[in-house]
Amino acid sequence: MPDTETKMSADTKPAEPKKKTKKEERSFEEALSRLTDIVTALEDGSAPLDRSLALYEEGIALVRFCTETLDRAEKQIKVLARTEDGTIAERDFQTE
């Protein structure tokens, strides 16, 4: 019976928290730094073709991540502007 008790306690053990993926753990600054490293390596031209292709694919994913991060940040930015009657109003940030 001790085996049954051990098995039961193992079955009732709380689930571990979901581990984050590399994309979720990476900050914008880390992604941008890695992208800079990739561009430098590709411009150097010393890597073999298969390695260059892998770097290129990683770079494309990083560009997408950085673009999405910047788009989300832009949507969060609010601008304070003076209205025609002199009061201050908050409006969404808009790029031209």
N, C-alpha and C. Protein backbone atom coordinates (compact mmCIF):
# COMPACT_ATOMS: atom_id res chain seq x y z
N MET A 1 0.78 -1.21 0.00
CA MET A 1 0.00 0.00 0.00
C MET A 1 0.82 1.27 0.00
N PRO A 2 2.03 1.29 0.51
CA PRO A 2 2.82 2.51 0.44
C PRO A 2 3.01 2.98 -0.99
N ASP A 3 3.09 2.05 -1.95
CA ASP A 3 3.25 2.44 -3.35
C ASP A 3 2.03 3.21 -3.85
N THR A 4 0.84 2.79 -3.41
CA THR A 4 -0.38 3.47 -3.82
C THR A 4 -0.41 4.89 -3.27
N GLU A 5 -0.01 5.07 -2.01
CA GLU A 5 0.01 6.41 -1.41
C GLU A 5 0.99 7.31 -2.14
N THR A 6 2.17 6.76 -2.48
CA THR A 6 3.15 7.54 -3.21
C THR A 6 2.61 7.95 -4.57
N LYS A 7 1.95 7.02 -5.24
CA LYS A 7 1.39 7.31 -6.55
C LYS A 7 0.29 8.36 -6.45
N MET A 8 -0.54 8.26 -5.44
CA MET A 8 -1.61 9.23 -5.27
C MET A 8 -1.06 10.62 -5.02
N SER A 9 -0.03 10.72 -4.19
CA SER A 9 0.52 12.04 -3.90
C SER A 9 1.19 12.63 -5.14
N ALA A 10 1.76 11.78 -5.96
CA ALA A 10 2.38 12.27 -7.20
C ALA A 10 1.31 12.74 -8.18
N ASP A 11 0.15 12.04 -8.18
CA ASP A 11 -0.93 12.42 -9.09
C ASP A 11 -1.59 13.73 -8.66
N THR A 12 -1.60 14.01 -7.38
CA THR A 12 -2.27 15.22 -6.89
C THR A 12 -1.33 16.41 -6.80
N LYS A 13 -0.13 16.22 -7.24
CA LYS A 13 0.86 17.28 -7.22
C LYS A 13 0.40 18.44 -8.11
N PRO A 14 0.53 19.69 -7.66
CA PRO A 14 0.09 20.82 -8.49
C PRO A 14 0.90 20.91 -9.78
N ALA A 15 0.23 21.32 -10.82
CA ALA A 15 0.89 21.46 -12.12
C ALA A 15 1.89 22.60 -12.07
N GLU A 16 2.98 22.42 -12.78
CA GLU A 16 3.99 23.48 -12.87
C GLU A 16 3.48 24.58 -13.77
N PRO A 17 3.89 25.83 -13.52
CA PRO A 17 3.45 26.93 -14.38
C PRO A 17 3.99 26.73 -15.79
N LYS A 18 3.21 27.21 -16.75
CA LYS A 18 3.61 27.10 -18.15
C LYS A 18 4.90 27.88 -18.38
N LYS A 19 5.85 27.23 -19.03
CA LYS A 19 7.11 27.90 -19.33
C LYS A 19 6.92 28.84 -20.51
N LYS A 20 7.58 29.97 -20.44
CA LYS A 20 7.50 30.94 -21.52
C LYS A 20 8.36 30.51 -22.69
N THR A 21 7.92 30.86 -23.89
CA THR A 21 8.73 30.60 -25.07
C THR A 21 9.81 31.66 -25.17
N LYS A 22 10.77 31.43 -26.04
CA LYS A 22 11.84 32.41 -26.22
C LYS A 22 11.27 33.75 -26.65
N LYS A 23 10.25 33.72 -27.51
CA LYS A 23 9.66 34.97 -27.99
C LYS A 23 9.03 35.76 -26.84
N GLU A 24 8.35 35.06 -25.91
CA GLU A 24 7.71 35.74 -24.78
C GLU A 24 8.73 36.29 -23.79
N GLU A 25 9.87 35.64 -23.67
CA GLU A 25 10.89 36.07 -22.71
C GLU A 25 11.74 37.21 -23.24
N ARG A 26 11.86 37.34 -24.53
CA ARG A 26 12.76 38.32 -25.14
C ARG A 26 12.16 39.71 -25.05
N SER A 27 12.97 40.67 -24.66
CA SER A 27 12.52 42.06 -24.66
C SER A 27 12.81 42.67 -26.03
N PHE A 28 12.20 43.81 -26.26
CA PHE A 28 12.43 44.53 -27.51
C PHE A 28 13.91 44.84 -27.67
N GLU A 29 14.53 45.29 -26.59
CA GLU A 29 15.95 45.67 -26.65
C GLU A 29 16.84 44.46 -26.95
N GLU A 30 16.51 43.32 -26.38
CA GLU A 30 17.28 42.10 -26.66
C GLU A 30 17.11 41.68 -28.11
N ALA A 31 15.88 41.76 -28.60
CA ALA A 31 15.62 41.39 -29.99
C ALA A 31 16.36 42.32 -30.95
N LEU A 32 16.35 43.61 -30.66
CA LEU A 32 17.02 44.58 -31.51
C LEU A 32 18.53 44.36 -31.50
N SER A 33 19.07 44.05 -30.34
CA SER A 33 20.50 43.76 -30.23
C SER A 33 20.88 42.52 -31.03
N ARG A 34 20.06 41.48 -30.91
CA ARG A 34 20.32 40.25 -31.67
C ARG A 34 20.20 40.52 -33.16
N LEU A 35 19.23 41.31 -33.56
CA LEU A 35 19.06 41.65 -34.97
C LEU A 35 20.28 42.39 -35.49
N THR A 36 20.83 43.29 -34.70
CA THR A 36 22.05 44.01 -35.08
C THR A 36 23.21 43.03 -35.28
N ASP A 37 23.33 42.06 -34.38
CA ASP A 37 24.38 41.04 -34.51
C ASP A 37 24.21 40.24 -35.79
N ILE A 38 22.97 39.90 -36.12
CA ILE A 38 22.70 39.11 -37.33
C ILE A 38 23.06 39.91 -38.57
N VAL A 39 22.66 41.17 -38.61
CA VAL A 39 22.98 42.01 -39.77
C VAL A 39 24.49 42.11 -39.95
N THR A 40 25.21 42.31 -38.85
CA THR A 40 26.67 42.39 -38.91
C THR A 40 27.26 41.10 -39.46
N ALA A 41 26.77 39.97 -38.98
CA ALA A 41 27.27 38.68 -39.44
C ALA A 41 26.96 38.45 -40.92
N LEU A 42 25.77 38.85 -41.36
CA LEU A 42 25.41 38.67 -42.77
C LEU A 42 26.21 39.61 -43.67
N GLU A 43 26.44 40.81 -43.21
CA GLU A 43 27.24 41.76 -44.00
C GLU A 43 28.68 41.31 -44.11
N ASP A 44 29.17 40.64 -43.09
CA ASP A 44 30.54 40.13 -43.09
C ASP A 44 30.74 39.13 -44.23
N GLY A 45 29.73 38.30 -44.48
CA GLY A 45 29.78 37.37 -45.60
C GLY A 45 30.65 36.14 -45.38
N SER A 46 31.15 35.92 -44.19
CA SER A 46 32.04 34.80 -43.96
C SER A 46 31.32 33.50 -43.59
N ALA A 47 30.05 33.59 -43.25
CA ALA A 47 29.29 32.39 -42.85
C ALA A 47 28.93 31.57 -44.08
N PRO A 48 28.91 30.25 -43.95
CA PRO A 48 28.48 29.40 -45.07
C PRO A 48 27.00 29.67 -45.39
N LEU A 49 26.59 29.26 -46.57
CA LEU A 49 25.25 29.55 -47.06
C LEU A 49 24.16 29.06 -46.10
N ASP A 50 24.25 27.83 -45.61
CA ASP A 50 23.20 27.32 -44.74
C ASP A 50 23.10 28.13 -43.45
N ARG A 51 24.22 28.55 -42.90
CA ARG A 51 24.22 29.38 -41.69
C ARG A 51 23.65 30.76 -42.00
N SER A 52 24.01 31.31 -43.16
CA SER A 52 23.48 32.62 -43.56
C SER A 52 21.96 32.57 -43.71
N LEU A 53 21.44 31.50 -44.28
CA LEU A 53 20.00 31.36 -44.44
C LEU A 53 19.30 31.27 -43.08
N ALA A 54 19.91 30.52 -42.17
CA ALA A 54 19.34 30.40 -40.82
C ALA A 54 19.34 31.76 -40.13
N LEU A 55 20.42 32.51 -40.26
CA LEU A 55 20.50 33.85 -39.67
C LEU A 55 19.45 34.78 -40.29
N TYR A 56 19.30 34.68 -41.61
CA TYR A 56 18.31 35.51 -42.31
C TYR A 56 16.91 35.21 -41.78
N GLU A 57 16.56 33.94 -41.65
CA GLU A 57 15.24 33.56 -41.15
C GLU A 57 15.03 34.05 -39.72
N GLU A 58 16.05 33.93 -38.89
CA GLU A 58 15.96 34.43 -37.52
C GLU A 58 15.77 35.95 -37.53
N GLY A 59 16.49 36.61 -38.42
CA GLY A 59 16.37 38.06 -38.54
C GLY A 59 14.98 38.50 -38.94
N ILE A 60 14.38 37.79 -39.87
CA ILE A 60 13.01 38.12 -40.31
C ILE A 60 12.04 37.98 -39.14
N ALA A 61 12.19 36.91 -38.36
CA ALA A 61 11.32 36.72 -37.19
C ALA A 61 11.53 37.85 -36.17
N LEU A 62 12.76 38.28 -35.99
CA LEU A 62 13.05 39.37 -35.06
C LEU A 62 12.47 40.69 -35.55
N VAL A 63 12.55 40.94 -36.85
CA VAL A 63 11.96 42.16 -37.42
C VAL A 63 10.46 42.17 -37.17
N ARG A 64 9.81 41.03 -37.38
CA ARG A 64 8.36 40.94 -37.12
C ARG A 64 8.06 41.21 -35.65
N PHE A 65 8.83 40.59 -34.77
CA PHE A 65 8.63 40.78 -33.33
C PHE A 65 8.79 42.26 -32.96
N CYS A 66 9.86 42.88 -33.44
CA CYS A 66 10.11 44.29 -33.12
C CYS A 66 9.01 45.19 -33.68
N THR A 67 8.57 44.92 -34.89
CA THR A 67 7.51 45.72 -35.51
C THR A 67 6.21 45.59 -34.73
N GLU A 68 5.87 44.36 -34.35
CA GLU A 68 4.65 44.14 -33.57
C GLU A 68 4.75 44.84 -32.21
N THR A 69 5.91 44.77 -31.58
CA THR A 69 6.11 45.42 -30.29
C THR A 69 5.96 46.92 -30.40
N LEU A 70 6.56 47.50 -31.43
CA LEU A 70 6.44 48.95 -31.65
C LEU A 70 5.00 49.35 -31.97
N ASP A 71 4.30 48.54 -32.76
CA ASP A 71 2.90 48.83 -33.08
C ASP A 71 2.04 48.83 -31.82
N ARG A 72 2.27 47.85 -30.93
CA ARG A 72 1.51 47.81 -29.67
C ARG A 72 1.83 49.03 -28.81
N ALA A 73 3.09 49.39 -28.75
CA ALA A 73 3.50 50.55 -27.95
C ALA A 73 2.87 51.83 -28.50
N GLU A 74 2.86 51.96 -29.81
CA GLU A 74 2.28 53.14 -30.44
C GLU A 74 0.80 53.28 -30.11
N LYS A 75 0.10 52.16 -30.05
CA LYS A 75 -1.33 52.19 -29.74
C LYS A 75 -1.57 52.62 -28.30
N GLN A 76 -0.59 52.42 -27.44
CA GLN A 76 -0.74 52.78 -26.03
C GLN A 76 -0.40 54.24 -25.74
N ILE A 77 0.30 54.87 -26.64
CA ILE A 77 0.74 56.25 -26.40
C ILE A 77 -0.43 57.21 -26.56
N LYS A 78 -0.57 58.07 -25.58
CA LYS A 78 -1.58 59.12 -25.64
C LYS A 78 -0.85 60.45 -25.68
N VAL A 79 -1.42 61.40 -26.39
CA VAL A 79 -0.83 62.72 -26.53
C VAL A 79 -1.75 63.74 -25.87
N LEU A 80 -1.16 64.63 -25.10
CA LEU A 80 -1.93 65.73 -24.54
C LEU A 80 -1.83 66.90 -25.51
N ALA A 81 -2.97 67.43 -25.89
CA ALA A 81 -2.99 68.53 -26.85
C ALA A 81 -3.94 69.62 -26.36
N ARG A 82 -3.60 70.84 -26.70
CA ARG A 82 -4.45 71.97 -26.33
C ARG A 82 -5.52 72.11 -27.42
N THR A 83 -6.78 72.18 -26.99
CA THR A 83 -7.88 72.32 -27.94
C THR A 83 -8.06 73.80 -28.30
N GLU A 84 -8.96 74.07 -29.22
CA GLU A 84 -9.20 75.44 -29.67
C GLU A 84 -9.67 76.35 -28.55
N ASP A 85 -10.42 75.80 -27.59
CA ASP A 85 -10.91 76.63 -26.49
C ASP A 85 -9.90 76.74 -25.34
N GLY A 86 -8.70 76.19 -25.53
CA GLY A 86 -7.64 76.36 -24.55
C GLY A 86 -7.53 75.26 -23.51
N THR A 87 -8.44 74.31 -23.52
CA THR A 87 -8.36 73.21 -22.55
C THR A 87 -7.40 72.13 -23.07
N ILE A 88 -6.99 71.30 -22.15
CA ILE A 88 -6.09 70.20 -22.51
C ILE A 88 -6.93 68.94 -22.70
N ALA A 89 -6.69 68.26 -23.81
CA ALA A 89 -7.42 67.02 -24.10
C ALA A 89 -6.43 65.92 -24.45
N GLU A 90 -6.82 64.72 -24.14
CA GLU A 90 -6.00 63.56 -24.46
C GLU A 90 -6.49 62.98 -25.78
N ARG A 91 -5.54 62.64 -26.65
CA ARG A 91 -5.91 62.01 -27.93
C ARG A 91 -4.90 60.91 -28.23
N ASP A 92 -5.27 60.02 -29.13
CA ASP A 92 -4.37 58.95 -29.52
C ASP A 92 -3.21 59.49 -30.35
N PHE A 93 -2.07 58.84 -30.20
CA PHE A 93 -0.90 59.19 -30.99
C PHE A 93 -1.13 58.75 -32.42
N GLN A 94 -0.78 59.62 -33.36
CA GLN A 94 -0.92 59.28 -34.78
C GLN A 94 0.36 59.61 -35.51
N THR A 95 0.82 58.68 -36.31
CA THR A 95 1.99 58.95 -37.14
C THR A 95 1.53 59.53 -38.45
N GLU A 96 2.38 60.31 -39.05
CA GLU A 96 1.99 60.96 -40.31
C GLU A 96 2.45 60.21 -41.50
